[in-house]
Structures are given as C-alpha cells and as structure tokens.
Amino acid sequence: MTRETQSLPVVLPTPDVTEIVAMTRRVMATIGISILALDQLTKQMVRMSIELYDAIEVIPGFLNLVHVRNTGAAFGFLNSVNIANKQLLMTAIALVAMTAIVAYARQVEPRETLARTGLALILGGAMGNLIDRASAGYVVDFIDVYWRTYHFWAFNVADSAITVGAGFLILDMFVVSSTDVSTST
C-alpha cells in the first residue's frame, strides 16, 4: 500500500456529559420562556381588545373568547372566596409550588425528554400566572369552552400549558417508565 492510499482512522470527539445536560436545560428554558411569552402576549391582547366580562363568539355552541379575572387558583378554584391578603397567599402558594417543581426538575435525567418537556410546560405556565398574580392580584382568563349551557371554567395559555405538562408527566410515569422497566428485565 502506498502512502497516498493509506488512511488514518477517524476519531470523532465524544460530547461531554455536562454539555448534554446544559443543552437539555437550555431546551427546557426555551420551552418555558416561549410559553411565558405566549401567555403574556395573549393576555395583553385580551386586555386591549375585549372589555372586561365581554365575550366574542368564535365557534357557536362551543367556544368563546372572554375577558374575566381569576383571583383564585387554576380554573377558578377559590375565585369567589374572599380572605384577607388573598393576593399574597396565592402568590406565596405559587412560589412554593414552583420551587418544588424546579427541585424535582433538577432530579429528572436528561434522557427523560417527556418528563422534562412536561416540567418545562408547567414552569412556563406557572411563571405566566405568577407574574399576573403578583403584579395585579388576578389572572386574566379568556378561553371559554362550553356545550349548550354547560361552561367549563375560563382558562388561558398558562393553564393549558400546565395541564398538557401534567399530562406529559402522567404519560411518562405510567407509559414510558413502565416500558423502561419491562424492557430492562
């Protein structure tokens, strides 16, 4: 074999594990910040274009855009309860919940993409509602899904992200995790 036809083995650099973790956290942050931005943008659009307590029919008999204020928790829970320092209490509860979610998210392995996506959605939604709660004392809700005279509680992008994120976590626990266990035995 001549010198020109000989080839050296190609050695590809292996990625550092810390780079993979940092990239995954970056993706989680991107998802969370995107949800936060979309949530705040849509709430601002509702504040500017729909009068408080007004509704715009989008799909007759099924969907309205409304403008309501929720001083309670998700989906109007505790909305009609009047207690002293409610804004402070609801903000504190949201901060404690977010702290617990962040602590849990730090323990989730980088390969657990469904769980990490779910946590990013939950954190983005929680941040969006927390900003409203802390600054105004209420959250703007604007999506009104109904059938005939039965209305689901009005909700927003943040609530949707939290719900989808929780669904992803449930899927991860019961479907993906059980698949991992069954394939490892």
Protein backbone atom coordinates (compact mmCIF):
# COMPACT_ATOMS: atom_id res chain seq x y z
CA MET A 1 0.00 0.00 0.00
CA THR A 2 1.39 3.38 -0.94
CA ARG A 3 1.45 6.30 1.40
CA GLU A 4 -1.24 8.15 -0.60
CA THR A 5 -3.81 5.34 -0.25
CA GLN A 6 -3.35 4.79 3.46
CA SER A 7 -5.93 6.46 5.67
CA LEU A 8 -5.84 7.20 9.31
CA PRO A 9 -8.77 6.16 11.48
CA VAL A 10 -11.27 8.95 12.05
CA VAL A 11 -11.74 9.76 15.71
CA LEU A 12 -14.87 11.76 16.47
CA PRO A 13 -14.96 13.74 19.67
CA THR A 14 -17.42 12.41 22.21
CA PRO A 15 -19.66 15.05 23.75
CA ASP A 16 -19.05 15.91 27.35
CA VAL A 17 -21.97 14.85 29.59
CA THR A 18 -22.13 18.34 31.11
CA GLU A 19 -22.64 19.77 27.60
CA ILE A 20 -25.59 17.42 27.04
CA VAL A 21 -27.17 18.42 30.37
CA ALA A 22 -26.62 22.12 29.68
CA MET A 23 -28.19 21.77 26.21
CA THR A 24 -31.19 19.94 27.66
CA ARG A 25 -31.68 22.61 30.30
CA ARG A 26 -31.42 25.21 27.56
CA VAL A 27 -34.18 23.47 25.63
CA MET A 28 -36.31 23.32 28.79
CA ALA A 29 -35.70 27.02 29.39
CA THR A 30 -36.61 27.80 25.78
CA ILE A 31 -39.90 25.92 26.12
CA GLY A 32 -40.71 27.61 29.42
CA ILE A 33 -39.84 31.10 28.19
CA SER A 34 -41.83 30.55 24.98
CA ILE A 35 -44.91 29.56 26.99
CA LEU A 36 -44.41 32.54 29.30
CA ALA A 37 -44.11 34.95 26.34
CA LEU A 38 -47.13 33.49 24.52
CA ASP A 39 -49.19 33.60 27.71
CA GLN A 40 -48.33 37.22 28.47
CA LEU A 41 -48.85 38.28 24.84
CA THR A 42 -52.30 36.68 24.59
CA LYS A 43 -53.40 38.14 27.94
CA GLN A 44 -52.29 41.60 26.82
CA MET A 45 -54.21 41.19 23.55
CA VAL A 46 -57.33 40.25 25.52
CA ARG A 47 -56.92 43.26 27.86
CA MET A 48 -56.62 45.57 24.86
CA SER A 49 -59.37 44.15 22.64
CA ILE A 50 -62.10 42.64 24.85
CA GLU A 51 -63.89 44.62 27.55
CA LEU A 52 -63.97 43.04 30.99
CA TYR A 53 -66.78 40.42 31.16
CA ASP A 54 -67.50 40.67 27.42
CA ALA A 55 -67.44 37.66 25.07
CA ILE A 56 -66.71 37.12 21.39
CA GLU A 57 -68.30 34.03 19.87
CA VAL A 58 -65.69 32.04 17.91
CA ILE A 59 -67.40 28.68 17.35
CA PRO A 60 -71.15 28.90 18.06
CA GLY A 61 -72.21 26.50 20.77
CA PHE A 62 -68.63 25.58 21.66
CA LEU A 63 -66.02 28.36 22.04
CA ASN A 64 -65.96 32.00 23.09
CA LEU A 65 -63.15 34.41 23.79
CA VAL A 66 -63.95 36.23 27.02
CA HIS A 67 -62.24 38.60 29.41
CA VAL A 68 -62.52 37.57 33.05
CA ARG A 69 -60.34 37.97 36.12
CA ASN A 70 -59.47 34.98 38.28
CA THR A 71 -58.32 35.85 41.80
CA GLY A 72 -58.29 32.17 42.80
CA ALA A 73 -56.27 29.19 41.68
CA ALA A 74 -56.36 27.23 38.42
CA PHE A 75 -59.71 27.05 36.62
CA GLY A 76 -61.36 29.50 39.04
CA PHE A 77 -60.84 27.42 42.19
CA LEU A 78 -61.23 29.77 45.20
CA ASN A 79 -62.13 32.63 42.86
CA SER A 80 -65.22 33.63 44.85
CA VAL A 81 -63.60 33.19 48.27
CA ASN A 82 -62.77 36.48 49.99
CA ILE A 83 -59.95 36.19 52.51
CA ALA A 84 -57.51 38.73 53.91
CA ASN A 85 -54.27 39.01 51.92
CA LYS A 86 -55.55 36.67 49.21
CA GLN A 87 -53.12 38.07 46.61
CA LEU A 88 -50.16 37.49 48.94
CA LEU A 89 -51.39 34.00 49.88
CA MET A 90 -51.98 32.90 46.26
CA THR A 91 -48.58 34.32 45.22
CA ALA A 92 -46.82 32.52 48.09
CA ILE A 93 -48.52 29.21 47.23
CA ALA A 94 -47.46 29.62 43.58
CA LEU A 95 -43.86 30.38 44.60
CA VAL A 96 -43.70 27.30 46.85
CA ALA A 97 -45.14 25.12 44.07
CA MET A 98 -42.66 26.49 41.52
CA THR A 99 -39.76 25.89 43.91
CA ALA A 100 -40.85 22.28 44.38
CA ILE A 101 -41.21 21.79 40.61
CA VAL A 102 -37.74 23.23 39.96
CA ALA A 103 -36.26 20.96 42.65
CA TYR A 104 -37.94 17.95 41.04
CA ALA A 105 -36.88 19.03 37.53
CA ARG A 106 -33.23 19.07 38.62
CA GLN A 107 -33.51 15.37 39.53
CA VAL A 108 -35.02 14.27 36.21
CA GLU A 109 -32.45 12.62 33.95
CA PRO A 110 -31.60 14.36 30.64
CA ARG A 111 -32.79 11.29 28.69
CA GLU A 112 -36.30 11.63 30.20
CA THR A 113 -37.44 14.02 27.49
CA LEU A 114 -41.19 13.62 28.00
CA ALA A 115 -40.91 14.39 31.72
CA ARG A 116 -38.58 17.33 31.06
CA THR A 117 -40.93 18.72 28.41
CA GLY A 118 -43.85 18.40 30.81
CA LEU A 119 -41.94 20.17 33.57
CA ALA A 120 -40.89 22.97 31.20
CA LEU A 121 -44.53 23.48 30.16
CA ILE A 122 -45.65 23.53 33.79
CA LEU A 123 -42.94 26.00 34.80
CA GLY A 124 -43.64 28.31 31.85
CA GLY A 125 -47.36 28.33 32.66
CA ALA A 126 -46.76 28.78 36.38
CA MET A 127 -44.46 31.73 35.71
CA GLY A 128 -47.06 33.35 33.46
CA ASN A 129 -49.80 33.11 36.07
CA LEU A 130 -47.41 34.08 38.87
CA ILE A 131 -46.49 37.33 37.12
CA ASP A 132 -50.18 38.26 36.86
CA ARG A 133 -50.97 37.23 40.41
CA ALA A 134 -48.04 39.11 41.92
CA SER A 135 -48.48 42.27 39.85
CA ALA A 136 -52.27 42.60 39.57
CA GLY A 137 -53.75 40.22 42.15
CA TYR A 138 -55.60 38.25 39.48
CA VAL A 139 -55.01 36.20 36.34
CA VAL A 140 -56.66 37.07 33.03
CA ASP A 141 -58.60 34.09 31.68
CA PHE A 142 -60.09 34.22 28.19
CA ILE A 143 -60.81 30.80 26.69
CA ASP A 144 -64.42 29.75 27.31
CA VAL A 145 -65.25 26.22 26.14
CA TYR A 146 -68.89 25.20 26.50
CA TRP A 147 -71.66 22.96 25.28
CA ARG A 148 -75.20 24.28 25.35
CA THR A 149 -75.47 25.89 28.79
CA TYR A 150 -72.58 23.97 30.36
CA HIS A 151 -69.44 26.11 30.53
CA PHE A 152 -66.04 24.81 31.57
CA TRP A 153 -64.09 27.30 33.68
CA ALA A 154 -62.44 30.01 31.60
CA PHE A 155 -58.71 29.46 31.22
CA ASN A 156 -55.62 30.83 29.46
CA VAL A 157 -52.42 29.72 27.71
CA ALA A 158 -50.62 29.22 31.04
CA ASP A 159 -53.39 26.95 32.35
CA SER A 160 -53.29 24.98 29.08
CA ALA A 161 -49.51 24.54 29.30
CA ILE A 162 -49.77 23.39 32.92
CA THR A 163 -52.48 20.87 32.01
CA VAL A 164 -50.59 19.49 28.99
CA GLY A 165 -47.38 19.38 31.04
CA ALA A 166 -49.13 17.42 33.80
CA GLY A 167 -50.45 15.04 31.13
CA PHE A 168 -46.91 14.52 29.84
CA LEU A 169 -45.70 13.73 33.37
CA ILE A 170 -48.51 11.21 33.84
CA LEU A 171 -47.70 9.59 30.49
CA ASP A 172 -44.04 9.46 31.47
CA MET A 173 -44.81 7.82 34.81
CA PHE A 174 -47.30 5.24 33.59
CA VAL A 175 -46.40 4.57 29.96
CA VAL A 176 -42.77 5.45 29.32
CA SER A 177 -41.45 4.41 32.75
CA SER A 178 -43.33 1.12 32.69
CA THR A 179 -41.90 0.45 29.21
CA ASP A 180 -38.39 1.12 30.53
CA VAL A 181 -38.96 -1.33 33.39
CA SER A 182 -40.40 -4.06 31.15
CA THR A 183 -37.57 -3.79 28.61
CA SER A 184 -34.85 -3.88 31.27
CA THR A 185 -35.97 -7.23 32.72
